[in-house]
């Protein structure tokens, strides 16, 4: 249960930071920001696993988790804007 609560909180924070760092139109609202951050967490986690070889066996919450989540959310936000532009 704590994993889901942490996932929601980290997702929301990562979504907020991504929206703050990337200017321009972006999804608004609590739900869309949280979903952006949660999806960014999945993308950032996958990228971190591929590049650094970290796994859940190293601990569910890692110090770089928020940075990876934010990085993934920024990538998704840029992709969203590119897709919505066309």
Protein backbone atom coordinates (compact mmCIF):
# COMPACT_ATOMS: atom_id res chain seq x y z
CA UNK A 1 0.00 0.00 0.00
CA UNK A 2 2.85 2.39 0.82
CA UNK A 3 4.32 1.73 -2.61
CA UNK A 4 1.18 3.07 -4.31
CA UNK A 5 1.01 6.13 -2.07
CA UNK A 6 4.70 6.85 -2.67
CA UNK A 7 4.22 6.27 -6.41
CA UNK A 8 1.39 8.83 -6.48
CA UNK A 9 3.29 11.43 -4.46
CA UNK A 10 6.54 11.06 -6.41
CA UNK A 11 4.56 11.08 -9.66
CA UNK A 12 2.82 14.32 -8.71
CA UNK A 13 6.10 15.99 -7.70
CA UNK A 14 7.87 14.82 -10.87
CA UNK A 15 4.96 16.06 -13.00
CA UNK A 16 5.04 19.46 -11.31
CA UNK A 17 8.78 19.82 -11.76
CA UNK A 18 8.57 18.72 -15.41
CA UNK A 19 5.81 21.26 -16.11
CA UNK A 20 7.87 23.97 -14.39
CA UNK A 21 11.05 23.19 -16.35
CA UNK A 22 9.43 22.91 -19.78
CA UNK A 23 7.59 26.08 -20.74
CA UNK A 24 4.53 26.17 -22.95
CA UNK A 25 1.18 24.40 -23.00
CA UNK A 26 0.96 21.25 -20.93
CA UNK A 27 -1.69 19.03 -19.36
CA UNK A 28 -3.34 20.87 -16.48
CA UNK A 29 -4.96 19.61 -13.32
CA UNK A 30 -4.01 17.33 -10.47
CA UNK A 31 -4.90 14.08 -12.24
CA UNK A 32 -3.10 14.87 -15.49
CA UNK A 33 -0.01 16.14 -13.67
CA UNK A 34 0.08 13.03 -11.51
CA UNK A 35 -0.38 10.72 -14.51
CA UNK A 36 2.39 12.57 -16.35
CA UNK A 37 4.74 12.08 -13.41
CA UNK A 38 3.76 8.43 -12.89
CA UNK A 39 4.30 7.63 -16.56
CA UNK A 40 7.56 9.58 -16.40
CA UNK A 41 8.57 7.46 -13.43
CA UNK A 42 8.06 4.31 -15.49
CA UNK A 43 10.01 5.74 -18.44
CA UNK A 44 12.78 7.07 -16.17
CA UNK A 45 12.94 3.78 -14.26
CA UNK A 46 13.25 1.79 -17.47
CA UNK A 47 15.93 4.16 -18.77
CA UNK A 48 17.82 3.93 -15.47
CA UNK A 49 17.62 0.14 -15.55
CA UNK A 50 18.94 -0.01 -19.11
CA UNK A 51 21.78 2.46 -18.52
CA UNK A 52 22.82 1.67 -14.95
CA UNK A 53 21.54 -1.89 -14.43
CA UNK A 54 19.65 -1.07 -11.21
CA UNK A 55 16.75 -3.27 -10.18
CA UNK A 56 14.03 -3.40 -7.53
CA UNK A 57 16.33 -5.78 -5.62
CA UNK A 58 18.44 -2.69 -4.88
CA UNK A 59 15.49 -1.16 -3.05
CA UNK A 60 12.12 0.10 -4.20
CA UNK A 61 13.02 3.74 -3.49
CA UNK A 62 16.43 4.92 -4.64
CA UNK A 63 17.99 8.34 -4.24
CA UNK A 64 17.94 8.93 -7.99
CA UNK A 65 14.29 7.92 -8.33
CA UNK A 66 12.87 11.43 -8.29
CA UNK A 67 15.45 12.63 -10.81
CA UNK A 68 14.72 9.69 -13.09
CA UNK A 69 10.99 10.29 -12.74
CA UNK A 70 11.41 13.95 -13.59
CA UNK A 71 13.62 13.12 -16.58
CA UNK A 72 11.02 10.65 -17.86
CA UNK A 73 8.21 13.15 -17.29
CA UNK A 74 10.11 15.81 -19.25
CA UNK A 75 10.59 13.38 -22.13
CA UNK A 76 6.90 12.48 -22.11
CA UNK A 77 5.87 16.13 -21.90
CA UNK A 78 8.02 17.01 -24.90
CA UNK A 79 6.59 14.04 -26.82
CA UNK A 80 3.05 15.08 -25.83
CA UNK A 81 3.64 18.60 -27.13
CA UNK A 82 5.15 17.32 -30.35
CA UNK A 83 2.19 14.98 -30.89
CA UNK A 84 -0.43 17.60 -29.95
CA UNK A 85 1.23 20.09 -32.29
CA UNK A 86 0.44 18.07 -35.41
